[in-house]
N, C-alpha and C. Protein backbone atom coordinates (compact mmCIF):
# COMPACT_ATOMS: atom_id res chain seq x y z
N MET A 1 -4.10 7.71 -1.95
CA MET A 1 -5.36 7.12 -2.61
C MET A 1 -4.80 5.42 -1.93
N ILE A 2 -6.33 4.93 -1.50
CA ILE A 2 -6.36 3.87 -1.21
C ILE A 2 -6.00 2.76 -2.79
N ASP A 3 -5.21 1.98 -3.73
CA ASP A 3 -6.06 1.00 -4.99
C ASP A 3 -6.18 1.06 -4.55
N SER A 4 -7.66 -0.06 -4.48
CA SER A 4 -8.21 -1.38 -4.15
C SER A 4 -8.31 -1.92 -6.16
N SER A 5 -7.82 -1.40 -7.16
CA SER A 5 -8.33 -1.88 -8.43
C SER A 5 -7.63 -3.23 -8.99
N ASN A 6 -6.44 -3.66 -8.08
CA ASN A 6 -5.33 -4.81 -8.31
C ASN A 6 -5.84 -5.16 -7.31
N ASP A 7 -6.10 -6.39 -7.92
CA ASP A 7 -6.71 -8.05 -7.07
C ASP A 7 -5.56 -8.34 -6.83
N PRO A 8 -5.35 -8.83 -5.19
CA PRO A 8 -4.29 -9.36 -5.15
C PRO A 8 -4.51 -10.69 -5.12
N LYS A 9 -5.01 -11.33 -5.61
CA LYS A 9 -5.46 -13.31 -5.75
C LYS A 9 -5.19 -12.90 -7.41
N SER A 10 -4.79 -11.25 -8.44
CA SER A 10 -4.21 -11.75 -9.77
C SER A 10 -3.65 -12.30 -10.42
N GLY A 11 -2.60 -12.13 -8.98
CA GLY A 11 -1.15 -12.65 -9.28
C GLY A 11 -0.46 -12.34 -10.30
N SER A 12 -0.47 -10.80 -9.88
CA SER A 12 0.66 -10.35 -10.40
C SER A 12 1.54 -9.37 -9.53
N ALA A 13 1.06 -9.33 -8.08
CA ALA A 13 2.27 -9.13 -7.81
C ALA A 13 2.82 -9.85 -7.61
N LYS A 14 4.82 -9.69 -7.87
CA LYS A 14 5.96 -10.21 -7.80
C LYS A 14 6.62 -10.06 -5.79
N SER A 15 7.32 -10.97 -5.53
CA SER A 15 8.33 -10.94 -4.12
C SER A 15 9.36 -11.05 -4.78
N GLY A 16 9.73 -9.74 -3.48
CA GLY A 16 11.84 -9.16 -3.68
C GLY A 16 12.57 -10.35 -4.00
N SER A 17 12.10 -11.70 -3.45
CA SER A 17 12.73 -12.29 -2.46
C SER A 17 12.61 -13.58 -3.38
N ALA A 18 11.44 -13.69 -3.82
CA ALA A 18 11.57 -15.06 -5.20
C ALA A 18 12.36 -14.71 -6.18
N LYS A 19 13.07 -16.39 -6.58
CA LYS A 19 13.81 -16.00 -7.83
C LYS A 19 13.67 -17.11 -8.86
N SER A 20 13.64 -17.11 -10.09
CA SER A 20 12.95 -16.75 -10.95
C SER A 20 13.97 -17.39 -12.30
N GLY A 21 14.12 -17.77 -12.63
CA GLY A 21 15.35 -18.52 -13.21
C GLY A 21 16.72 -17.75 -12.95
N GLY A 22 17.69 -17.97 -11.84
CA GLY A 22 18.50 -17.43 -11.73
C GLY A 22 18.51 -15.82 -11.28
N ALA A 23 17.10 -14.71 -11.82
CA ALA A 23 17.62 -13.56 -11.61
C ALA A 23 16.01 -13.15 -10.03
N MET A 24 16.48 -12.00 -9.32
CA MET A 24 15.31 -12.39 -8.30
C MET A 24 15.31 -11.42 -9.35
N SER A 25 13.38 -11.34 -8.49
CA SER A 25 12.35 -10.41 -9.21
C SER A 25 11.75 -9.19 -8.88
N LYS A 26 10.97 -7.92 -9.30
CA LYS A 26 11.83 -6.95 -9.36
C LYS A 26 10.80 -6.42 -8.47
N GLN A 27 11.18 -6.30 -6.94
CA GLN A 27 10.34 -5.58 -5.88
C GLN A 27 9.55 -4.47 -6.11
N LEU A 28 8.11 -4.67 -6.04
CA LEU A 28 7.45 -3.07 -5.92
C LEU A 28 6.90 -2.98 -4.45
N LEU A 29 7.68 -2.05 -4.36
CA LEU A 29 7.42 -1.09 -2.84
C LEU A 29 6.15 -0.97 -2.70
N HIS A 30 5.42 -1.26 -1.15
CA HIS A 30 4.86 -1.00 -1.58
C HIS A 30 4.32 0.21 0.59
N LEU A 31 3.79 0.97 0.69
CA LEU A 31 3.63 1.74 2.00
C LEU A 31 2.43 1.68 2.61
N VAL A 32 1.87 0.99 3.46
CA VAL A 32 0.63 1.10 4.47
C VAL A 32 1.13 2.17 5.95
N PHE A 33 -0.68 3.05 5.70
CA PHE A 33 -0.61 3.95 6.42
C PHE A 33 -1.68 4.39 6.96
N GLY A 34 -2.07 5.20 7.92
CA GLY A 34 -2.85 5.59 8.35
C GLY A 34 -3.28 6.58 9.69
N GLY A 35 -4.06 7.10 9.56
CA GLY A 35 -4.66 8.23 10.58
C GLY A 35 -5.72 8.83 10.80
N GLU A 36 -6.42 9.47 11.85
CA GLU A 36 -7.68 9.70 12.11
C GLU A 36 -7.80 11.45 11.32
N LEU A 37 -8.84 11.30 10.03
CA LEU A 37 -8.44 12.64 9.52
C LEU A 37 -9.54 13.77 10.48
N ASP A 38 -8.85 15.13 9.52
CA ASP A 38 -10.34 16.17 10.16
C ASP A 38 -11.77 15.55 9.63
N ASN A 39 -11.89 14.80 8.60
CA ASN A 39 -12.75 15.34 7.97
C ASN A 39 -12.91 14.20 6.88
N VAL A 40 -13.93 13.30 6.59
CA VAL A 40 -14.10 12.10 6.33
C VAL A 40 -14.41 12.56 4.67
N SER A 41 -14.13 13.65 4.18
CA SER A 41 -14.67 13.95 2.73
C SER A 41 -13.17 14.94 1.70
N THR A 42 -12.15 14.93 2.84
CA THR A 42 -11.26 15.36 2.25
C THR A 42 -10.18 14.26 3.35
N ILE A 43 -8.46 14.31 2.18
CA ILE A 43 -7.52 14.07 2.85
C ILE A 43 -6.89 14.46 4.19
N HIS A 44 -7.51 14.99 4.99
CA HIS A 44 -6.49 16.11 5.63
C HIS A 44 -6.01 14.91 7.30
N PHE A 45 -5.31 15.37 7.96
CA PHE A 45 -4.81 14.14 9.09
C PHE A 45 -4.93 15.18 9.81
N HIS A 46 -6.14 15.01 11.70
CA HIS A 46 -5.53 15.46 12.64
C HIS A 46 -4.59 15.99 12.91
N ASP A 47 -3.87 15.18 13.12
CA ASP A 47 -2.90 14.77 13.76
C ASP A 47 -1.32 13.91 13.30
N LEU A 48 -0.98 15.11 12.57
CA LEU A 48 0.88 13.59 11.93
C LEU A 48 1.83 13.38 12.77
N GLY A 49 1.36 13.53 13.97
CA GLY A 49 2.22 13.28 14.60
C GLY A 49 1.92 11.82 15.69
N LYS A 50 0.93 11.19 14.96
CA LYS A 50 -0.06 10.18 15.88
C LYS A 50 -0.84 9.14 14.21
N LEU A 51 0.38 9.72 12.99
CA LEU A 51 -0.11 8.97 11.91
C LEU A 51 0.46 7.07 12.02
N ASP A 52 0.26 6.36 11.56
CA ASP A 52 0.11 5.43 12.22
C ASP A 52 0.93 3.87 10.92
N ILE A 53 2.34 4.84 10.95
CA ILE A 53 3.72 3.91 9.54
C ILE A 53 3.24 1.86 9.52
N VAL A 54 2.20 1.55 8.94
CA VAL A 54 2.23 -0.22 9.24
C VAL A 54 3.21 -1.16 9.07
N GLY A 55 3.58 -0.01 7.52
CA GLY A 55 5.50 -0.61 7.31
C GLY A 55 5.15 -0.84 5.73
N ILE A 56 6.78 -1.35 4.87
CA ILE A 56 6.33 -1.58 3.67
C ILE A 56 6.91 -2.51 3.37
N TYR A 57 6.33 -2.75 2.08
CA TYR A 57 6.07 -4.61 1.41
C TYR A 57 6.69 -4.52 0.13
N PRO A 58 6.76 -5.49 0.37
CA PRO A 58 7.81 -6.05 -1.95
C PRO A 58 6.63 -6.41 -2.93
N ASN A 59 5.61 -6.48 -2.27
CA ASN A 59 3.94 -6.31 -3.12
C ASN A 59 2.94 -5.96 -3.05
N TYR A 60 1.80 -6.33 -3.34
CA TYR A 60 1.04 -5.65 -3.70
C TYR A 60 0.06 -6.07 -2.49
N ALA A 61 0.38 -7.60 -2.80
CA ALA A 61 -0.72 -8.22 -2.23
C ALA A 61 -0.55 -8.06 -0.54
N GLY A 62 0.61 -8.48 -0.06
CA GLY A 62 1.07 -8.14 0.59
C GLY A 62 1.04 -7.01 2.00
N ALA A 63 0.68 -5.52 1.24
CA ALA A 63 0.61 -4.60 1.80
C ALA A 63 -0.80 -4.54 1.79
N TYR A 64 -1.83 -4.93 0.91
CA TYR A 64 -3.10 -5.42 0.86
C TYR A 64 -4.34 -5.87 1.83
N ALA A 65 -3.21 -6.95 2.74
CA ALA A 65 -3.34 -7.77 3.71
C ALA A 65 -3.28 -6.80 4.61
N ALA A 66 -2.35 -6.48 4.10
CA ALA A 66 -1.91 -5.21 5.51
C ALA A 66 -2.69 -4.06 6.66
N TRP A 67 -3.54 -3.69 4.69
CA TRP A 67 -4.19 -2.80 5.35
C TRP A 67 -5.32 -3.06 5.25
N LYS A 68 -5.63 -4.30 4.55
CA LYS A 68 -7.31 -4.34 5.20
C LYS A 68 -7.56 -4.83 6.47
N ALA A 69 -6.29 -5.12 6.79
CA ALA A 69 -6.10 -5.71 8.65
C ALA A 69 -6.91 -4.65 9.25
N LYS A 70 -6.10 -3.26 9.54
CA LYS A 70 -6.06 -1.98 10.07
C LYS A 70 -7.21 -2.12 9.58
N ALA A 71 -7.27 -1.07 7.89
CA ALA A 71 -9.34 -1.10 7.81
C ALA A 71 -9.73 -1.56 9.03
N GLN A 72 -9.90 -2.77 8.72
CA GLN A 72 -11.07 -3.73 9.27
C GLN A 72 -10.80 -3.94 10.70
N GLY A 73 -9.80 -2.84 11.77
CA GLY A 73 -9.23 -2.92 12.77
C GLY A 73 -10.36 -1.65 13.17
N THR A 74 -10.13 -0.76 12.77
CA THR A 74 -11.32 0.87 12.78
C THR A 74 -12.14 0.75 12.45
N VAL A 75 -12.47 -0.06 11.98
CA VAL A 75 -14.27 0.19 11.24
C VAL A 75 -15.58 0.96 12.49
N ASP A 76 -15.02 0.94 13.39
CA ASP A 76 -15.69 1.58 14.69
C ASP A 76 -15.82 3.33 14.52
N ASN A 77 -14.50 3.60 13.78
CA ASN A 77 -13.50 4.87 13.43
C ASN A 77 -13.69 5.40 12.24
N ALA A 78 -14.69 5.98 11.94
CA ALA A 78 -15.18 6.51 10.88
C ALA A 78 -14.57 7.83 10.22
N GLN A 79 -13.83 8.01 10.61
CA GLN A 79 -12.56 9.77 10.80
C GLN A 79 -11.22 8.29 10.28
N MET A 80 -10.93 7.62 10.81
CA MET A 80 -9.73 6.36 11.06
C MET A 80 -9.56 6.37 9.63
N ARG A 81 -8.52 6.78 8.38
CA ARG A 81 -8.54 5.99 7.16
C ARG A 81 -6.86 5.32 6.68
N TYR A 82 -7.14 3.95 6.26
CA TYR A 82 -5.58 3.73 5.66
C TYR A 82 -4.80 3.68 4.16
N PHE A 83 -4.11 4.19 4.10
CA PHE A 83 -3.59 4.22 2.05
C PHE A 83 -2.89 3.57 1.89
N ILE A 84 -3.10 3.08 0.61
CA ILE A 84 -1.35 1.68 0.42
C ILE A 84 -0.57 2.47 -0.56
N VAL A 85 -0.06 2.96 -0.76
CA VAL A 85 1.66 4.25 -1.53
C VAL A 85 1.82 3.15 -2.62
N HIS A 86 1.75 3.08 -3.71
CA HIS A 86 3.07 2.40 -4.42
C HIS A 86 4.20 3.60 -5.20
N LEU A 87 5.29 3.04 -3.65
CA LEU A 87 6.58 3.60 -3.50
C LEU A 87 7.16 3.25 -4.86
N HIS A 88 7.08 1.81 -5.97
CA HIS A 88 8.11 1.64 -6.75
C HIS A 88 7.23 2.53 -7.99
N ARG A 89 6.40 3.25 -7.81
CA ARG A 89 5.55 4.42 -8.28
C ARG A 89 6.46 6.04 -8.79
N LEU A 90 7.10 5.81 -7.43
CA LEU A 90 7.55 7.42 -7.28
C LEU A 90 9.02 6.70 -7.16
N LEU A 91 9.85 5.88 -7.29
CA LEU A 91 10.75 5.53 -6.96
C LEU A 91 11.39 5.22 -8.92
N ASP A 92 10.85 4.79 -8.74
CA ASP A 92 11.37 4.70 -10.81
C ASP A 92 10.19 5.28 -11.49
N PRO A 93 9.42 6.63 -11.78
CA PRO A 93 8.30 6.51 -12.65
C PRO A 93 8.16 6.39 -14.22
N GLU A 94 9.53 6.31 -14.82
CA GLU A 94 10.01 5.81 -15.57
C GLU A 94 9.52 4.08 -16.51
N SER A 95 9.13 3.47 -15.69
CA SER A 95 9.49 1.73 -14.73
C SER A 95 8.68 1.75 -16.36
N PRO A 96 9.18 0.76 -17.32
CA PRO A 96 8.37 -0.21 -18.06
C PRO A 96 7.20 -0.29 -17.98
N ALA A 97 6.53 -1.48 -15.96
CA ALA A 97 6.19 -2.29 -15.84
C ALA A 97 4.92 -1.03 -15.38
N LEU A 98 5.32 -0.02 -15.32
CA LEU A 98 4.21 0.46 -15.57
C LEU A 98 3.19 1.67 -16.55
N GLN A 99 3.37 0.79 -17.48
CA GLN A 99 2.72 0.96 -18.05
C GLN A 99 1.74 0.42 -18.45
N ARG A 100 0.12 0.66 -18.66
CA ARG A 100 -0.93 -0.42 -18.74
C ARG A 100 -0.64 -0.25 -20.10
């Protein structure tokens, strides 16, 4: 699912390489990938072998920028969709950072 509810300009994204007070900030890993769907009303990919794995990013802002560039680059193909997966939520589901 594309999560565009978190605005990358809000400053809530943290960089995994930034240091604050001598301690490294927590990496919030995100995966960006996409592919052609069979039907735009479902998330069922036409060919899993042709999935476009864009990359893994250390914060939401970086993932959002990559997602936006890929999504805008495929605007002429209505079947093509790109997604942001919050890997940090899958890797550490009980993290207090996930409490809203």
